[in-house]
Protein backbone atom coordinates (compact mmCIF):
# COMPACT_ATOMS: atom_id res chain seq x y z
CA MET A 1 6.86 15.44 2.16
CA LEU A 2 10.59 15.93 1.51
CA GLU A 3 11.29 15.59 5.22
CA LEU A 4 10.81 11.84 4.74
CA LEU A 5 14.33 11.88 3.33
CA ASN A 6 15.73 12.95 6.71
CA HIS A 7 15.51 9.33 7.88
CA CYS A 8 14.84 7.45 4.67
CA ARG A 9 12.65 4.38 5.00
CA LEU A 10 10.98 4.58 1.59
CA CYS A 11 11.91 1.04 0.54
CA PRO A 12 11.97 -2.21 2.54
CA ARG A 13 15.70 -1.85 3.22
CA CYS A 14 14.88 1.01 5.63
CA CYS A 15 18.44 2.36 5.60
CA GLY A 16 17.48 5.36 7.75
CA VAL A 17 20.10 7.67 6.20
CA ASN A 18 19.61 11.44 6.00
CA ARG A 19 19.49 11.98 2.26
CA ASN A 20 18.75 15.68 2.73
CA LYS A 21 22.26 15.97 4.18
CA GLY A 22 23.84 14.03 1.34
CA GLU A 23 23.90 10.61 2.99
CA ARG A 24 23.31 7.63 0.72
CA GLY A 25 21.89 4.21 1.57
CA PHE A 26 21.62 1.00 -0.45
CA CYS A 27 20.10 2.64 -3.55
CA GLY A 28 22.89 5.22 -3.73
CA ALA A 29 20.67 8.29 -4.14
CA ASP A 30 20.75 11.45 -2.08
CA SER A 31 17.93 14.00 -2.19
CA THR A 32 18.67 15.30 -5.71
CA VAL A 33 16.67 13.72 -8.51
CA ARG A 34 18.75 12.16 -11.28
CA VAL A 35 17.11 11.08 -14.56
CA GLY A 36 18.65 9.00 -17.33
CA ARG A 37 16.10 9.66 -20.05
CA ALA A 38 12.64 11.14 -20.58
CA SER A 39 10.99 10.24 -23.88
CA LEU A 40 8.18 8.51 -25.70
CA HIS A 41 8.64 4.76 -25.33
CA TYR A 42 7.06 2.24 -27.72
CA TRP A 43 8.12 -1.08 -26.18
CA GLU A 44 5.78 -1.32 -23.22
CA GLU A 45 2.60 -3.43 -23.21
CA PRO A 46 0.27 -2.42 -26.09
CA CYS A 47 -2.30 -0.81 -23.78
CA LEU A 48 0.43 1.49 -22.47
CA SER A 49 2.51 2.31 -25.56
CA GLY A 50 -0.32 2.47 -28.11
CA GLU A 51 0.48 4.40 -31.26
CA ARG A 52 1.86 7.55 -29.65
CA GLY A 53 4.10 6.00 -27.01
CA SER A 54 4.29 5.93 -23.24
CA GLY A 55 5.82 9.03 -21.68
CA THR A 56 8.64 7.40 -19.76
CA VAL A 57 10.91 8.99 -17.19
CA PHE A 58 13.82 6.68 -16.32
CA PHE A 59 15.10 7.49 -12.83
CA SER A 60 18.70 6.72 -11.89
CA TYR A 61 19.63 4.50 -8.93
CA CYS A 62 17.57 1.55 -7.69
CA THR A 63 16.50 -0.07 -4.43
CA LEU A 64 16.97 -3.62 -5.79
CA GLN A 65 19.98 -3.54 -8.18
CA CYS A 66 19.54 -7.01 -9.70
CA VAL A 67 22.75 -8.58 -10.98
CA TYR A 68 21.25 -8.93 -14.49
CA CYS A 69 19.63 -5.48 -14.73
CA GLN A 70 19.06 -4.39 -18.32
CA ASN A 71 19.11 -0.76 -17.19
CA SER A 72 22.36 -1.15 -15.27
CA GLN A 73 23.78 2.07 -16.71
CA ILE A 74 21.37 4.01 -14.53
CA SER A 75 20.69 1.53 -11.71
CA HIS A 76 24.29 0.43 -11.04
CA ASP A 77 26.46 3.03 -12.78
CA HIS A 78 24.19 5.98 -11.92
CA LEU A 79 24.29 7.67 -15.31
CA GLY A 80 21.86 10.52 -15.66
CA LYS A 81 21.34 14.23 -15.23
CA GLU A 82 20.54 15.93 -11.94
CA ILE A 83 17.40 18.06 -12.20
CA THR A 84 15.29 20.25 -9.94
CA LEU A 85 11.74 19.36 -8.93
CA SER A 86 10.40 22.24 -11.03
CA ARG A 87 12.23 20.78 -14.03
CA LEU A 88 10.75 17.36 -13.28
CA ALA A 89 7.26 18.86 -13.34
CA GLU A 90 8.10 20.53 -16.67
CA ILE A 91 9.24 17.18 -18.09
CA PHE A 92 5.90 15.62 -17.14
CA LEU A 93 4.05 18.38 -19.02
CA GLU A 94 6.40 18.18 -22.02
CA LEU A 95 5.69 14.46 -22.40
CA GLN A 96 1.97 15.20 -22.34
CA LYS A 97 2.45 17.87 -25.00
CA LYS A 98 4.31 15.33 -27.17
CA GLY A 99 1.20 13.16 -27.20
CA ALA A 100 2.11 10.49 -24.65
CA HIS A 101 -0.72 8.16 -23.69
CA ASN A 102 0.43 8.19 -20.06
CA LEU A 103 3.19 9.28 -17.73
CA ASN A 104 5.40 6.27 -16.99
CA LEU A 105 7.66 6.57 -13.92
CA VAL A 106 10.39 3.93 -14.21
CA THR A 107 12.21 2.84 -11.01
CA PRO A 108 10.61 5.60 -8.93
CA THR A 109 10.57 4.19 -5.37
CA HIS A 110 13.49 6.11 -3.91
CA TYR A 111 12.15 9.39 -5.29
CA VAL A 112 8.51 9.12 -4.18
CA PRO A 113 8.45 12.37 -2.12
CA GLN A 114 10.05 14.33 -4.97
CA ILE A 115 7.75 12.73 -7.55
CA ILE A 116 4.61 13.57 -5.57
CA THR A 117 5.77 17.17 -5.22
CA ALA A 118 6.42 17.40 -8.98
CA LEU A 119 3.13 15.69 -9.86
CA ASP A 120 1.16 18.12 -7.73
CA ALA A 121 2.87 21.06 -9.44
CA ALA A 122 2.35 19.59 -12.92
CA LYS A 123 -1.32 18.82 -12.26
CA ALA A 124 -1.83 22.41 -11.16
CA ASP A 125 -0.52 23.40 -14.60
CA GLY A 126 -2.72 20.99 -16.55
CA LEU A 127 -1.22 17.49 -16.35
CA SER A 128 -4.06 15.04 -16.99
CA LEU A 129 -2.33 11.85 -18.14
CA PRO A 130 -2.80 8.55 -16.30
CA VAL A 131 0.25 8.01 -14.09
CA VAL A 132 2.04 4.65 -14.34
CA TYR A 133 4.18 3.48 -11.41
CA ASN A 134 6.73 1.15 -13.05
CA THR A 135 8.44 -0.69 -10.21
CA SER A 136 10.47 -3.75 -9.22
CA GLY A 137 7.65 -4.61 -6.83
CA TYR A 138 9.94 -4.21 -3.82
CA GLU A 139 7.78 -1.65 -2.05
CA ARG A 140 6.84 -0.70 1.51
CA ALA A 141 3.14 -0.42 2.31
CA GLU A 142 3.73 2.98 3.90
CA THR A 143 5.28 4.34 0.71
CA LEU A 144 2.52 2.98 -1.50
CA ARG A 145 -0.11 4.64 0.67
CA LEU A 146 1.54 8.00 -0.05
CA LEU A 147 0.79 7.39 -3.72
CA ASP A 148 -2.96 6.91 -3.31
CA SER A 149 -4.69 9.44 -5.65
CA HIS A 150 -1.39 10.07 -7.46
CA VAL A 151 -1.02 6.75 -9.35
CA ASP A 152 -3.59 5.32 -11.77
CA ILE A 153 -1.77 2.27 -13.11
CA TYR A 154 0.64 0.05 -11.24
CA LEU A 155 3.20 -1.84 -13.32
CA PRO A 156 5.14 -3.97 -10.80
CA ASP A 157 7.50 -6.86 -11.36
CA PHE A 158 7.10 -10.16 -9.54
CA LYS A 159 10.65 -11.43 -9.96
CA TYR A 160 11.14 -14.32 -7.54
CA ALA A 161 9.14 -16.90 -5.62
CA SER A 162 12.04 -18.15 -3.49
CA ALA A 163 14.16 -16.39 -0.90
CA GLY A 164 17.23 -18.11 -2.34
CA SER A 165 16.91 -16.57 -5.79
CA ALA A 166 15.96 -13.17 -4.37
CA SER A 167 19.00 -13.20 -2.10
CA ARG A 168 21.41 -14.42 -4.75
CA TYR A 169 20.42 -12.04 -7.53
CA SER A 170 19.02 -9.01 -5.69
CA ALA A 171 20.23 -9.21 -2.07
CA ALA A 172 16.60 -9.17 -0.95
CA GLY A 173 15.64 -12.47 0.63
CA ASP A 174 12.30 -11.03 1.77
CA TYR A 175 11.31 -10.12 -1.79
CA ALA A 176 8.42 -12.57 -2.29
CA ASP A 177 6.68 -11.65 0.94
CA VAL A 178 7.18 -7.94 0.27
CA VAL A 179 5.83 -8.02 -3.28
CA LYS A 180 2.76 -10.03 -2.23
CA ALA A 181 1.83 -7.43 0.38
CA ALA A 182 2.54 -4.64 -2.09
CA LEU A 183 0.32 -6.17 -4.78
CA ASP A 184 -2.63 -6.25 -2.41
CA ILE A 185 -2.29 -2.51 -1.84
CA MET A 186 -1.77 -1.79 -5.53
CA THR A 187 -4.88 -3.69 -6.59
CA GLU A 188 -6.90 -2.00 -3.87
CA GLN A 189 -5.79 1.46 -4.96
CA ALA A 190 -6.00 1.00 -8.73
CA GLY A 191 -9.16 -1.09 -8.81
CA LEU A 192 -10.34 -3.17 -11.75
CA PRO A 193 -8.66 -2.64 -15.12
CA SER A 194 -10.34 0.04 -17.21
CA PHE A 195 -9.59 1.29 -20.71
CA ASP A 196 -10.54 4.18 -22.96
CA GLU A 197 -12.25 3.88 -26.32
CA ASP A 198 -8.89 3.24 -28.03
CA GLY A 199 -7.97 0.36 -25.73
CA MET A 200 -5.47 2.34 -23.68
CA MET A 201 -5.40 1.52 -19.98
CA LYS A 202 -6.72 4.22 -17.68
CA ARG A 203 -6.55 2.34 -14.37
CA GLY A 204 -5.46 -1.08 -13.18
CA VAL A 205 -2.52 -3.35 -12.42
CA ILE A 206 -0.23 -5.20 -14.83
CA VAL A 207 2.17 -7.58 -13.09
CA ARG A 208 5.32 -8.35 -15.06
CA HIS A 209 7.35 -11.51 -14.65
CA LEU A 210 10.71 -11.77 -16.37
CA ILE A 211 11.52 -15.46 -16.82
CA LEU A 212 15.02 -16.36 -15.65
CA PRO A 213 16.87 -19.23 -17.37
CA GLY A 214 16.29 -22.50 -15.57
CA HIS A 215 14.04 -20.97 -12.91
CA TYR A 216 10.87 -22.26 -14.47
CA GLU A 217 9.30 -23.74 -11.35
CA GLU A 218 9.48 -20.29 -9.78
CA THR A 219 7.67 -18.91 -12.82
CA ARG A 220 4.96 -21.54 -12.46
CA GLU A 221 4.63 -20.80 -8.74
CA ILE A 222 4.27 -17.08 -9.42
CA LEU A 223 1.66 -17.70 -12.11
CA ARG A 224 -0.32 -19.96 -9.79
CA TYR A 225 -0.23 -17.41 -7.00
CA LEU A 226 -1.27 -14.47 -9.17
CA HIS A 227 -4.12 -16.32 -10.85
CA LYS A 228 -5.46 -17.81 -7.63
CA ARG A 229 -5.34 -14.56 -5.66
CA TYR A 230 -6.37 -12.01 -8.29
CA GLY A 231 -7.90 -13.87 -11.22
CA ASN A 232 -8.86 -11.40 -13.92
CA ARG A 233 -8.62 -8.39 -11.61
CA ILE A 234 -5.09 -7.91 -12.91
CA TYR A 235 -3.15 -8.45 -16.13
CA ILE A 236 -0.07 -10.65 -16.21
CA SER A 237 2.79 -9.86 -18.57
CA LEU A 238 5.01 -12.91 -19.15
CA MET A 239 8.35 -11.70 -20.49
CA ASN A 240 10.97 -13.61 -22.48
CA GLN A 241 13.40 -10.70 -22.97
CA TYR A 242 15.95 -11.79 -20.36
CA THR A 243 19.48 -11.02 -21.51
CA PRO A 244 22.54 -11.51 -19.25
CA PHE A 245 23.47 -7.90 -18.62
CA ALA A 246 25.44 -6.24 -15.82
CA ARG A 247 27.07 -8.77 -13.48
CA ALA A 248 25.19 -11.84 -14.76
CA LYS A 249 28.37 -13.37 -16.19
CA ALA A 250 29.41 -14.17 -12.62
CA TYR A 251 26.33 -16.40 -12.27
CA PRO A 252 26.71 -19.24 -14.80
CA GLU A 253 23.18 -20.56 -14.30
CA ILE A 254 21.66 -17.33 -15.66
CA ASN A 255 24.40 -16.36 -18.10
CA CYS A 256 22.26 -17.30 -21.10
CA LYS A 257 18.92 -16.51 -22.71
CA VAL A 258 15.64 -18.38 -22.27
CA PRO A 259 15.06 -20.84 -25.16
CA GLN A 260 11.89 -20.14 -27.11
CA ARG A 261 10.57 -23.66 -26.46
CA ASP A 262 10.82 -23.10 -22.71
CA TYR A 263 9.02 -19.78 -22.96
CA ASP A 264 6.26 -21.34 -25.09
CA ALA A 265 5.79 -24.08 -22.51
CA LEU A 266 5.32 -21.51 -19.75
CA VAL A 267 2.81 -19.59 -21.85
CA ASP A 268 0.90 -22.85 -22.32
CA TYR A 269 1.01 -23.37 -18.55
CA ALA A 270 -0.55 -19.94 -17.95
CA VAL A 271 -3.30 -20.76 -20.42
CA GLU A 272 -3.93 -24.10 -18.71
CA LEU A 273 -4.29 -22.28 -15.38
CA GLY A 274 -7.02 -20.17 -16.92
CA VAL A 275 -5.17 -16.87 -17.23
CA GLU A 276 -7.16 -14.70 -19.65
CA ASN A 277 -5.85 -11.18 -19.03
CA GLY A 278 -2.28 -11.48 -20.18
CA PHE A 279 0.48 -10.27 -22.46
CA ILE A 280 3.21 -12.35 -24.09
CA GLN A 281 6.27 -11.32 -26.06
CA GLU A 282 7.29 -12.28 -29.56
CA GLU A 283 10.53 -14.09 -30.28
CA GLY A 284 13.51 -11.78 -30.65
CA THR A 285 12.84 -9.36 -27.80
CA ALA A 286 15.94 -10.47 -25.88
CA GLU A 287 18.17 -8.05 -27.73
CA GLU A 288 20.19 -5.05 -26.62
CA SER A 289 18.47 -2.95 -29.30
CA PHE A 290 15.35 -2.94 -27.14
CA ILE A 291 17.19 -1.14 -24.33
CA PRO A 292 16.92 2.67 -24.55
CA LEU A 293 19.95 4.92 -24.58
CA PHE A 294 20.42 6.66 -21.27
CA ASP A 295 21.89 9.76 -22.81
CA GLY A 296 19.91 12.38 -20.93
CA GLN A 297 17.40 12.87 -23.73
CA GLY A 298 14.46 14.99 -22.63
CA CYS A 299 16.02 15.92 -19.30
């Protein structure tokens, strides 16, 4: 599995670098796993966080590196602690012991071979939590197929409908086409949403869309696409928490928050489309206090 890093093509950028020899492509990672935080997280969708929290592992580096990334300390600045694969497996088990409802792998794409190795080791030692793959949505089909039988819940973003926005903010003009193909594979693997007796998700797909200021037609296009193609086979999480982090100040059109009235109008639009399986956010979530500290806790 780790030999895939000899000519890395895990993400759609297909850099082809030899990460096992220390080479680094677009994401910036070599073969060593770096983690910014591993802890119980209470700010995910209710069916993931529940009362005990989602067991999140925040991986450093990123294959997309959006200019407004709220986790830019780990995606852009590469904060975090380097750990072994045996330690990663231990972290998975420690989160289970703390009572986590699930194991939530945040920004995992560039570490898929290492994650699978650690998951196999942890499962051999008793890991039984549902595994959540928390991704930007920018995924290769070949990489997703490696995850079949390892991931129970897919939690992808669907960020952009247009190549222009995807190029400007994430240097990924092919984003929309890539995420559409990825979502088909995710829904095939995870199947219909299912929940336990406490309402916690066991399997399924939740597609997140973070609304960007002024890009409301793209939001409507994404909502139309998701509802038409998947109906109630997925959940849609419409997010109003956009805050101009990282390099967003260099892009005046998104250097602001989304007004509540605009968010409410887009929620109404989703309802008018017939979306039934969905999550919305309360006013006040666009605050820095909702961003975790990437201080190496739990690593």
